Structure formats: C-alpha cells, structure tokens
Amino acid sequence: MLTKSKLMEVIQIQNKEIIISGNFIKRDLGGVFLSKSFVRIISGIRRCGKSTLLREMIKKEKNIYYLNLSDPRLQGFEFEDFMLADKIFKELFKKDGTYFFDEIQEIPGWEKYVRFLVDNKNKVALTGSNASMLSKELGTKLTGRHLTTELFPFSYNEFLKFKKLKPGIKSYEKYFQKGGFPEYLEENSNEILHELLKDITIRDVAIRHKIKNLNNLNKLTSFLITNVGKEFSYNSLKKIMQIPSVQTVIDIISYLEDSYLIFTLPKFDYSFKKQQIAAKKIYSIDNGLSNANSISFSKDFGKMLENQIFIGLKRKGYELFYFQEKGECDFLVKEKNKITQAFQVCYELNDENMVREVAGLTAAMRKFNLKEGLIITYDKDDEILVEDLKIKMIPAWKWFLDY
C-alpha cells in the first residue's frame, strides 16, 4: 500500500507526461471509441504501441485520470490503492474524468475496480500485455461490459507512414527484415529487441508464473521464435530441448502465447479431438524480433515470408488453420464455421516447386469448394487456371496493402 503523498506525486507526474504532444501514427484499427457502458480493452505484446494509442485517445478527452501501473515508482501499489487514486484524481482535477490505465494486469483484482467504475457510468480505457489474464478476468467480472482491441506491431501500411516511404518492393524489403516494433524502427538498435525479449520471458512469464528453471524457458523460447512455420508436437519438443516433463513444455508454450510472443496454428480437421492431438505449427509475433534474437531465422526467407503473412492474417482477427491431406496448404481462413479462403505462401516460385505449391493449394480448394485461391510470393504477380480453379499470384507488398 502506498502513502497518499507518494501516490499523488506519481499521478501528477504521469498525467503531465501523458499529455505531451508527439507524432502519432494512426493505427489501422477502424473506430476505437469510448463509452460509459463498456470498458475499452487494448491488449497486445509489450512495446507494440498500446500506450501511444492510449495517448492518442486521451487527446480527444477533456478531463483525464491516467495511471500507468508498470511505473516502478508505484512499487507496492495494491488493490486498495485504486480507491485512494480515485480520491486523488478528484482532488487534483476537480471535475469528473475519463479513466485510462496502462498495464493494469499488474494489480491482482483490478477487474473488480474497473467493473465498479463502469457500473457507475464512467468511461474507462485500459491496456494489458497478457491475453489469457485479460480474457479470463473479463469473462468472469466484466461479462458483456467490455470491448476489446488487439494491437500488433506495425502493419506494412503503418510502417510506410512511420518511415515516410512509398509502397513497393524496396520499402517492403525493409519491413520484411525489420518488422514493426516502433522503437526499434526509430532507433535501429538490436539491443531494443534483445531487452524486449528479456522483459517478456522474465516479467510476463517467469515472474508471473513462478518459473524457477530459466534455462528451460530461455532455450525453448529461442527455439520457437527461430523455427517458425515448422510442425511440432509437445513430445518432440520435450526430446529436442531435453526438458524432463511434457507438461512443462505445454505450460511454457501457453505462457508465451498469452504474452503474444508466439502463436500456434492447428491443423484443420472436422474432428475437434483429432485437431487437438495433431501436430501444430509455430509463428512469431514479428520478423524483426526473431531476426534480432536468432542466428538462423534471417537465412530462411521462405519461413520469414510465411511468418509475416500469418501475422497479417492474424491481425484481421481470422480463425486460422493449416491444411494437410494429399497436399499441403499454408493457411485456411474459417468464418462462421466455414472455410472461406485458402492461402499458399512461397518466397520464390520456380519450375522446381510450382507443381507442389499449386497442388497443395488446389487440394484445399477442392476440399472446401473454393473457386479462387491465392499464392503470396515475394515479387511474382501472375494468374493461372487449373481446370475450373483460379489461382492468383501476388507480391507480398501488394497483398499487405489490404492487411
């Protein structure tokens, strides 16, 4: 618990700092509005721009009550301090304000206080870096009273605006290698992405979940962000990583997914049970992050492209699967219990791989009665017909203009 004088001092400092004007890149999120009937949740990986988005929202409000709960000056802040902070807000600013909380998941029980605010018709926006914690607590305490926005590192369009570049193969080459973390793009120092990975593994995983064996955590994390697009089973990872327990592998992967660092992609099957036991594929949140923290990732252009397309689809909020029967197809999109789109990703189409890539895509198209499929390449732009099926080939930079 904090003293009133200390908490007041931090609140005054934070509320001055947060209104300092800056150059904001408008994020491609559609309408992110605030309401007295719903909590606005902004979730996503650390350092992807959640606080900046919050600052942009703050500029539209007349009176604000802002609190960043990851501030080290608030060490010792407890649930009871929310009411003390509320009292300080009203003393300092005299008028009713809109509540903004950064990294609120740091405080156990936060959802009860937020529910209290919404029930009393206050506008509230908050950020958090842990998908599982947010969804779990929202489901139990804020049912029907929240609107969630997931934020990712910059899309290609946002990257272009941030770097003041024009769309095309040259600008996409930079995005392909560097990814979309704002601070890294501004400073161009790998150290930023090294520290980001440390923060996630230590603060979001090890400390939160009381993991004592950091060696297991670090080596598994490194392996996963390096080996994107590859199939894995929990048992195979246990053997490769020489981790004693399969459950440890399952837990660590779950924690890393909760922190938005990685994503697992299931194999499509109409049987949910078969889907659960089939091998999954792994993807990383960002090419730049994987490049900076891996020796071999940047050497596999095919997997880098596949990873970036996956994130582009994920950013749209699609439910995704990979397809593997007579042929293989990288991504299936499921909407309203129906497969509606099929995507194949191939860095360079040539005489050696054309037949295989087309066969995998057409197998998926026939399975799900799709008349059109897409092969996303690094720079090839073309179209072919395979009997009654249309296959478009499109350079990634063009495809990303809509993603």
Protein backbone atom coordinates (compact mmCIF):
# COMPACT_ATOMS: atom_id res chain seq x y z
CA MET A 1 0.00 0.00 0.00
CA LEU A 2 1.26 3.47 -0.89
CA THR A 3 1.09 6.71 1.06
CA LYS A 4 -1.26 9.35 -0.27
CA SER A 5 1.54 11.88 -0.78
CA LYS A 6 3.67 9.46 -2.83
CA LEU A 7 0.76 8.31 -4.98
CA MET A 8 -0.34 11.90 -5.57
CA GLU A 9 3.16 12.85 -6.70
CA VAL A 10 3.35 9.99 -9.21
CA ILE A 11 -0.15 10.71 -10.54
CA GLN A 12 0.72 14.37 -11.11
CA ILE A 13 3.92 13.45 -12.95
CA GLN A 14 2.26 10.78 -15.09
CA ASN A 15 -0.69 12.96 -16.05
CA LYS A 16 1.65 15.74 -17.20
CA GLU A 17 3.83 13.33 -19.17
CA ILE A 18 0.96 11.59 -20.94
CA ILE A 19 -0.48 14.78 -22.48
CA ILE A 20 2.84 15.85 -24.03
CA SER A 21 2.17 16.03 -27.75
CA GLY A 22 4.01 13.70 -30.07
CA ASN A 23 3.95 12.36 -33.60
CA PHE A 24 1.34 9.61 -33.64
CA ILE A 25 0.89 7.16 -36.46
CA LYS A 26 -2.81 6.50 -36.85
CA ARG A 27 -3.26 2.77 -36.38
CA ASP A 28 -5.37 0.75 -38.83
CA LEU A 29 -7.97 -0.30 -36.28
CA GLY A 30 -11.23 1.16 -37.50
CA GLY A 31 -13.25 3.10 -34.95
CA VAL A 32 -11.87 2.74 -31.42
CA PHE A 33 -14.38 4.66 -29.34
CA LEU A 34 -15.05 5.11 -25.63
CA SER A 35 -18.41 4.54 -23.96
CA LYS A 36 -19.85 4.88 -20.47
CA SER A 37 -21.40 1.43 -20.89
CA PHE A 38 -18.29 -0.54 -21.88
CA VAL A 39 -14.63 -0.83 -20.85
CA ARG A 40 -12.30 -0.39 -23.83
CA ILE A 41 -9.53 -3.00 -23.58
CA ILE A 42 -6.35 -2.61 -25.63
CA SER A 43 -4.23 -5.74 -25.44
CA GLY A 44 -1.05 -6.79 -27.19
CA ILE A 45 2.63 -7.56 -26.82
CA ARG A 46 4.87 -5.18 -24.90
CA ARG A 47 6.19 -2.16 -26.83
CA CYS A 48 3.83 -2.52 -29.79
CA GLY A 49 2.29 0.93 -29.26
CA LYS A 50 -0.54 0.40 -26.75
CA SER A 51 0.45 3.39 -24.62
CA THR A 52 0.80 5.56 -27.71
CA LEU A 53 -2.69 4.55 -28.84
CA LEU A 54 -3.94 5.36 -25.36
CA ARG A 55 -2.28 8.78 -25.60
CA GLU A 56 -4.00 9.38 -28.93
CA MET A 57 -7.34 8.56 -27.30
CA ILE A 58 -6.51 10.83 -24.36
CA LYS A 59 -6.09 13.81 -26.68
CA LYS A 60 -9.80 13.53 -27.57
CA GLU A 61 -10.99 13.75 -23.94
CA LYS A 62 -11.46 16.94 -21.93
CA ASN A 63 -10.55 15.64 -18.47
CA ILE A 64 -8.42 12.56 -17.86
CA TYR A 65 -7.48 10.33 -14.95
CA TYR A 66 -4.36 8.43 -16.05
CA LEU A 67 -2.37 5.78 -14.19
CA ASN A 68 0.49 3.67 -15.55
CA LEU A 69 0.73 0.66 -13.27
CA SER A 70 4.03 -0.63 -14.68
CA ASP A 71 5.78 2.51 -13.38
CA PRO A 72 8.50 1.39 -10.91
CA ARG A 73 7.62 4.40 -8.75
CA LEU A 74 4.35 2.60 -7.99
CA GLN A 75 6.10 -0.42 -6.49
CA GLY A 76 3.82 -1.68 -3.72
CA PHE A 77 0.56 -0.49 -5.34
CA GLU A 78 -2.25 -2.79 -4.18
CA PHE A 79 -5.93 -3.21 -5.00
CA GLU A 80 -6.97 -0.91 -2.14
CA ASP A 81 -4.89 1.88 -3.69
CA PHE A 82 -7.32 2.17 -6.60
CA MET A 83 -9.81 3.94 -4.34
CA LEU A 84 -7.06 6.17 -2.99
CA ALA A 85 -6.04 7.04 -6.55
CA ASP A 86 -9.66 7.83 -7.36
CA LYS A 87 -9.84 10.21 -4.41
CA ILE A 88 -6.60 11.90 -5.54
CA PHE A 89 -7.88 12.28 -9.11
CA LYS A 90 -10.96 14.12 -7.88
CA GLU A 91 -8.94 16.33 -5.53
CA LEU A 92 -6.40 17.27 -8.18
CA PHE A 93 -8.60 17.77 -11.22
CA LYS A 94 -11.89 18.82 -9.57
CA LYS A 95 -14.01 17.52 -12.47
CA ASP A 96 -15.18 14.07 -13.49
CA GLY A 97 -12.73 12.49 -15.90
CA THR A 98 -12.20 9.58 -18.28
CA TYR A 99 -10.13 6.79 -16.71
CA PHE A 100 -7.05 5.47 -18.51
CA PHE A 101 -4.99 2.62 -17.04
CA ASP A 102 -1.75 1.31 -18.58
CA GLU A 103 -0.67 -2.32 -17.91
CA ILE A 104 -3.49 -2.86 -15.43
CA GLN A 105 -2.88 -6.61 -15.21
CA GLU A 106 0.00 -5.84 -12.85
CA ILE A 107 -2.53 -5.46 -10.00
CA PRO A 108 -4.49 -8.52 -8.74
CA GLY A 109 -8.23 -7.85 -8.51
CA TRP A 110 -8.16 -4.92 -10.96
CA GLU A 111 -11.29 -6.18 -12.71
CA LYS A 112 -13.47 -5.55 -9.63
CA TYR A 113 -12.49 -1.89 -9.54
CA VAL A 114 -12.99 -1.44 -13.28
CA ARG A 115 -16.44 -3.05 -13.04
CA PHE A 116 -17.28 -0.59 -10.25
CA LEU A 117 -16.31 2.33 -12.49
CA VAL A 118 -18.37 1.12 -15.44
CA ASP A 119 -21.39 0.34 -13.27
CA ASN A 120 -21.22 3.97 -12.18
CA LYS A 121 -21.23 5.18 -15.80
CA ASN A 122 -17.59 6.22 -16.12
CA LYS A 123 -15.69 5.98 -19.39
CA VAL A 124 -12.72 3.61 -18.97
CA ALA A 125 -9.89 2.51 -21.27
CA LEU A 126 -7.07 0.21 -20.26
CA THR A 127 -4.13 -1.70 -21.71
CA GLY A 128 -2.67 -5.09 -20.85
CA SER A 129 0.11 -7.34 -22.15
CA ASN A 130 -1.37 -10.70 -21.22
CA ALA A 131 -4.12 -12.21 -23.36
CA SER A 132 -5.06 -15.04 -21.00
CA MET A 133 -5.33 -12.90 -17.89
CA LEU A 134 -7.40 -10.28 -19.64
CA SER A 135 -9.79 -12.76 -21.26
CA LYS A 136 -10.16 -14.80 -18.07
CA GLU A 137 -10.91 -11.84 -15.84
CA LEU A 138 -13.11 -10.13 -18.40
CA GLY A 139 -15.13 -13.30 -18.76
CA THR A 140 -15.82 -13.58 -15.03
CA LYS A 141 -16.18 -9.96 -13.92
CA LEU A 142 -16.90 -7.84 -17.00
CA THR A 143 -19.23 -10.10 -18.97
CA GLY A 144 -20.96 -8.09 -21.68
CA ARG A 145 -19.38 -4.85 -20.48
CA HIS A 146 -16.14 -4.72 -22.47
CA LEU A 147 -14.91 -4.04 -26.00
CA THR A 148 -11.52 -5.49 -26.88
CA THR A 149 -8.96 -4.19 -29.39
CA GLU A 150 -5.88 -6.33 -30.06
CA LEU A 151 -2.85 -4.32 -31.12
CA PHE A 152 0.08 -5.77 -33.08
CA PRO A 153 3.39 -4.25 -34.15
CA PHE A 154 3.06 -2.00 -37.21
CA SER A 155 1.41 -3.39 -40.31
CA TYR A 156 3.11 -2.69 -43.64
CA ASN A 157 0.81 0.31 -44.21
CA GLU A 158 1.61 1.69 -40.75
CA PHE A 159 5.32 1.04 -41.37
CA LEU A 160 5.11 3.11 -44.56
CA LYS A 161 3.52 6.01 -42.71
CA PHE A 162 6.02 5.79 -39.86
CA LYS A 163 9.07 5.67 -42.15
CA LYS A 164 7.54 8.04 -44.77
CA LEU A 165 8.07 5.54 -47.57
CA LYS A 166 6.10 4.58 -50.65
CA PRO A 167 4.68 1.09 -51.23
CA GLY A 168 6.83 -1.17 -53.38
CA ILE A 169 9.41 -3.92 -53.30
CA LYS A 170 12.18 -1.67 -51.90
CA SER A 171 10.19 -0.48 -48.88
CA TYR A 172 8.78 -3.97 -48.33
CA GLU A 173 12.31 -5.40 -48.18
CA LYS A 174 12.94 -3.17 -45.15
CA TYR A 175 9.68 -4.22 -43.50
CA PHE A 176 10.37 -7.87 -44.32
CA GLN A 177 13.64 -7.76 -42.36
CA LYS A 178 12.93 -5.23 -39.62
CA GLY A 179 9.30 -5.89 -38.72
CA GLY A 180 7.08 -3.37 -36.98
CA PHE A 181 8.15 -2.52 -33.42
CA PRO A 182 8.06 1.33 -33.32
CA GLU A 183 11.02 1.99 -31.01
CA TYR A 184 13.26 -0.42 -32.92
CA LEU A 185 12.36 1.20 -36.24
CA GLU A 186 13.18 4.59 -34.78
CA GLU A 187 16.48 3.68 -33.08
CA ASN A 188 17.60 0.74 -35.30
CA SER A 189 19.32 -0.97 -32.39
CA ASN A 190 19.03 -4.73 -31.89
CA GLU A 191 19.53 -4.14 -28.19
CA ILE A 192 15.95 -2.84 -28.01
CA LEU A 193 14.62 -6.18 -29.27
CA HIS A 194 17.02 -8.12 -27.03
CA GLU A 195 15.67 -6.30 -23.99
CA LEU A 196 12.09 -6.72 -25.17
CA LEU A 197 12.51 -10.49 -25.34
CA LYS A 198 14.06 -10.49 -21.85
CA ASP A 199 11.17 -8.42 -20.48
CA ILE A 200 8.62 -10.83 -21.90
CA THR A 201 10.32 -14.01 -20.73
CA ILE A 202 11.19 -12.67 -17.28
CA ARG A 203 8.30 -10.37 -16.36
CA ASP A 204 5.39 -11.83 -18.33
CA VAL A 205 6.33 -15.48 -17.98
CA ALA A 206 8.94 -16.37 -15.33
CA ILE A 207 7.87 -13.99 -12.56
CA ARG A 208 4.13 -14.17 -13.23
CA HIS A 209 4.08 -17.96 -13.37
CA LYS A 210 6.82 -18.57 -10.80
CA ILE A 211 9.11 -20.44 -13.19
CA LYS A 212 12.40 -21.27 -11.49
CA ASN A 213 14.19 -23.10 -14.30
CA LEU A 214 15.04 -20.17 -16.58
CA ASN A 215 17.26 -22.39 -18.71
CA ASN A 216 14.26 -24.43 -19.93
CA LEU A 217 12.27 -21.26 -20.57
CA ASN A 218 15.04 -19.48 -22.48
CA LYS A 219 16.10 -22.37 -24.69
CA LEU A 220 12.52 -23.27 -25.62
CA THR A 221 11.69 -19.62 -26.36
CA SER A 222 14.75 -19.27 -28.58
CA PHE A 223 13.93 -22.48 -30.43
CA LEU A 224 10.32 -21.45 -31.08
CA ILE A 225 10.95 -17.95 -32.44
CA THR A 226 13.67 -19.37 -34.70
CA ASN A 227 11.69 -22.29 -36.13
CA VAL A 228 8.55 -20.55 -37.38
CA GLY A 229 6.30 -22.39 -39.79
CA LYS A 230 7.53 -25.80 -38.71
CA GLU A 231 5.38 -28.56 -37.29
CA PHE A 232 5.90 -29.60 -33.70
CA SER A 233 4.41 -31.81 -31.03
CA TYR A 234 4.88 -31.32 -27.30
CA ASN A 235 6.62 -34.68 -27.06
CA SER A 236 9.06 -33.86 -29.85
CA LEU A 237 9.94 -30.55 -28.19
CA LYS A 238 10.44 -32.30 -24.87
CA LYS A 239 13.03 -34.60 -26.50
CA ILE A 240 14.74 -31.93 -28.61
CA MET A 241 15.02 -29.47 -25.71
CA GLN A 242 15.78 -32.22 -23.16
CA ILE A 243 13.08 -30.91 -20.86
CA PRO A 244 12.04 -33.54 -18.28
CA SER A 245 8.26 -33.02 -18.43
CA VAL A 246 5.84 -32.70 -21.35
CA GLN A 247 3.58 -30.62 -19.11
CA THR A 248 6.41 -28.12 -18.65
CA VAL A 249 6.60 -27.71 -22.44
CA ILE A 250 2.82 -27.30 -22.69
CA ASP A 251 2.80 -24.70 -19.91
CA ILE A 252 5.67 -22.63 -21.28
CA ILE A 253 4.16 -22.50 -24.77
CA SER A 254 0.83 -21.44 -23.27
CA TYR A 255 2.50 -18.66 -21.27
CA LEU A 256 4.42 -17.43 -24.33
CA GLU A 257 1.19 -17.35 -26.33
CA ASP A 258 -0.51 -15.41 -23.55
CA SER A 259 2.24 -12.80 -23.79
CA TYR A 260 1.67 -12.51 -27.58
CA LEU A 261 5.25 -13.54 -28.33
CA ILE A 262 4.28 -16.65 -30.30
CA PHE A 263 1.18 -18.22 -31.83
CA THR A 264 0.38 -21.86 -32.51
CA LEU A 265 -1.52 -22.88 -35.64
CA PRO A 266 -3.63 -26.06 -35.55
CA LYS A 267 -4.14 -28.49 -38.40
CA PHE A 268 -7.66 -28.38 -39.80
CA ASP A 269 -9.86 -31.35 -39.04
CA TYR A 270 -13.63 -31.63 -38.71
CA SER A 271 -12.98 -33.69 -35.56
CA PHE A 272 -12.01 -31.38 -32.70
CA LYS A 273 -10.32 -34.27 -30.92
CA LYS A 274 -8.11 -35.07 -33.93
CA GLN A 275 -7.38 -31.38 -34.32
CA GLN A 276 -6.15 -31.18 -30.74
CA ILE A 277 -3.75 -34.13 -30.99
CA ALA A 278 -2.37 -33.30 -34.46
CA ALA A 279 0.98 -31.53 -34.82
CA LYS A 280 0.80 -27.74 -34.67
CA LYS A 281 2.88 -25.05 -36.33
CA ILE A 282 4.53 -22.14 -34.56
CA TYR A 283 4.78 -18.48 -35.56
CA SER A 284 6.47 -15.42 -34.07
CA ILE A 285 4.87 -12.02 -33.46
CA ASP A 286 7.43 -10.16 -35.58
CA ASN A 287 10.21 -10.82 -38.09
CA GLY A 288 12.43 -8.13 -36.62
CA LEU A 289 12.18 -9.60 -33.13
CA SER A 290 13.05 -13.08 -34.39
CA ASN A 291 15.89 -11.76 -36.55
CA ALA A 292 17.46 -9.84 -33.68
CA ASN A 293 17.32 -12.83 -31.34
CA SER A 294 18.30 -15.65 -33.69
CA ILE A 295 21.26 -16.56 -35.86
CA SER A 296 19.46 -18.77 -38.37
CA PHE A 297 16.00 -17.21 -38.74
CA SER A 298 17.05 -14.50 -41.20
CA LYS A 299 18.63 -17.07 -43.51
CA ASP A 300 15.30 -18.74 -44.33
CA PHE A 301 13.46 -16.21 -46.48
CA GLY A 302 10.60 -18.64 -47.12
CA LYS A 303 9.80 -19.00 -43.42
CA MET A 304 10.21 -15.26 -42.86
CA LEU A 305 7.61 -14.56 -45.53
CA GLU A 306 5.27 -17.24 -44.20
CA ASN A 307 5.59 -15.79 -40.70
CA GLN A 308 4.76 -12.29 -41.84
CA ILE A 309 1.72 -13.43 -43.84
CA PHE A 310 0.46 -15.35 -40.81
CA ILE A 311 0.66 -12.19 -38.67
CA GLY A 312 -1.11 -10.22 -41.40
CA LEU A 313 -3.99 -12.70 -41.32
CA LYS A 314 -3.95 -12.80 -37.52
CA ARG A 315 -4.18 -9.02 -37.41
CA LYS A 316 -7.50 -9.32 -39.23
CA GLY A 317 -8.82 -11.49 -36.41
CA TYR A 318 -9.32 -14.58 -38.57
CA GLU A 319 -9.59 -18.09 -37.17
CA LEU A 320 -6.72 -19.89 -38.94
CA PHE A 321 -5.62 -23.46 -39.68
CA TYR A 322 -3.12 -25.21 -41.90
CA PHE A 323 -4.23 -27.94 -44.31
CA GLN A 324 -2.51 -31.28 -44.79
CA GLU A 325 -4.00 -34.23 -46.64
CA LYS A 326 -2.93 -35.27 -50.14
CA GLY A 327 -1.29 -31.88 -50.44
CA GLU A 328 -0.36 -29.09 -48.02
CA CYS A 329 -1.71 -25.57 -47.86
CA ASP A 330 -0.26 -22.99 -45.51
CA PHE A 331 -3.36 -21.14 -44.30
CA LEU A 332 -7.10 -21.68 -44.24
CA VAL A 333 -9.47 -18.97 -43.02
CA LYS A 334 -12.57 -20.10 -41.17
CA GLU A 335 -15.53 -17.76 -40.89
CA LYS A 336 -18.92 -18.72 -39.41
CA ASN A 337 -18.00 -22.41 -39.27
CA LYS A 338 -16.98 -22.46 -42.93
CA ILE A 339 -13.60 -22.35 -44.69
CA THR A 340 -13.79 -19.27 -46.90
CA GLN A 341 -10.21 -18.62 -48.05
CA ALA A 342 -7.05 -20.59 -48.80
CA PHE A 343 -3.54 -19.11 -48.95
CA GLN A 344 -0.24 -20.59 -50.06
CA VAL A 345 2.99 -18.74 -49.30
CA CYS A 346 6.09 -19.23 -51.44
CA TYR A 347 9.04 -16.85 -51.42
CA GLU A 348 10.13 -17.78 -54.94
CA LEU A 349 8.02 -19.78 -57.38
CA ASN A 350 10.08 -21.72 -59.93
CA ASP A 351 9.98 -24.85 -62.08
CA GLU A 352 11.05 -26.99 -59.11
CA ASN A 353 8.32 -26.01 -56.68
CA MET A 354 5.45 -24.73 -58.85
CA VAL A 355 3.70 -28.10 -59.21
CA ARG A 356 3.92 -28.86 -55.47
CA GLU A 357 2.69 -25.44 -54.35
CA VAL A 358 -0.21 -25.36 -56.81
CA ALA A 359 -1.19 -28.95 -55.99
CA GLY A 360 -1.35 -28.20 -52.25
CA LEU A 361 -3.49 -25.13 -52.81
CA THR A 362 -5.88 -26.79 -55.27
CA ALA A 363 -6.29 -29.78 -52.94
CA ALA A 364 -7.53 -27.41 -50.24
CA MET A 365 -9.71 -25.51 -52.71
CA ARG A 366 -11.45 -28.67 -53.89
CA LYS A 367 -11.86 -29.92 -50.32
CA PHE A 368 -13.72 -26.76 -49.31
CA ASN A 369 -15.37 -25.86 -52.64
CA LEU A 370 -13.36 -22.68 -53.20
CA LYS A 371 -13.18 -21.35 -56.74
CA GLU A 372 -10.32 -18.95 -56.11
CA GLY A 373 -7.05 -19.32 -54.20
CA LEU A 374 -4.02 -17.14 -53.60
CA ILE A 375 -0.29 -17.76 -53.68
CA ILE A 376 1.61 -14.95 -51.96
CA THR A 377 5.19 -14.58 -53.19
CA TYR A 378 7.99 -12.13 -52.62
CA ASP A 379 7.73 -10.47 -56.03
CA LYS A 380 5.73 -12.58 -58.53
CA ASP A 381 2.48 -11.20 -59.98
CA ASP A 382 0.50 -13.60 -62.20
CA GLU A 383 -2.65 -15.65 -62.59
CA ILE A 384 -3.28 -19.21 -63.76
CA LEU A 385 -6.24 -21.52 -64.27
CA VAL A 386 -6.17 -25.13 -63.11
CA GLU A 387 -9.23 -26.64 -64.76
CA ASP A 388 -12.11 -24.70 -63.16
CA LEU A 389 -9.99 -23.13 -60.38
CA LYS A 390 -8.46 -19.67 -60.50
CA ILE A 391 -5.13 -19.14 -58.75
CA LYS A 392 -3.76 -15.65 -58.30
CA MET A 393 -0.12 -14.96 -57.50
CA ILE A 394 0.59 -11.68 -55.81
CA PRO A 395 3.70 -10.00 -54.35
CA ALA A 396 3.55 -9.70 -50.57
CA TRP A 397 3.87 -5.91 -50.64
CA LYS A 398 0.71 -5.62 -52.77
CA TRP A 399 -1.18 -8.10 -50.60
CA PHE A 400 -0.25 -6.22 -47.44
CA LEU A 401 -1.84 -3.02 -48.70
CA ASP A 402 -5.17 -4.61 -47.71
CA TYR A 403 -3.79 -6.12 -44.49
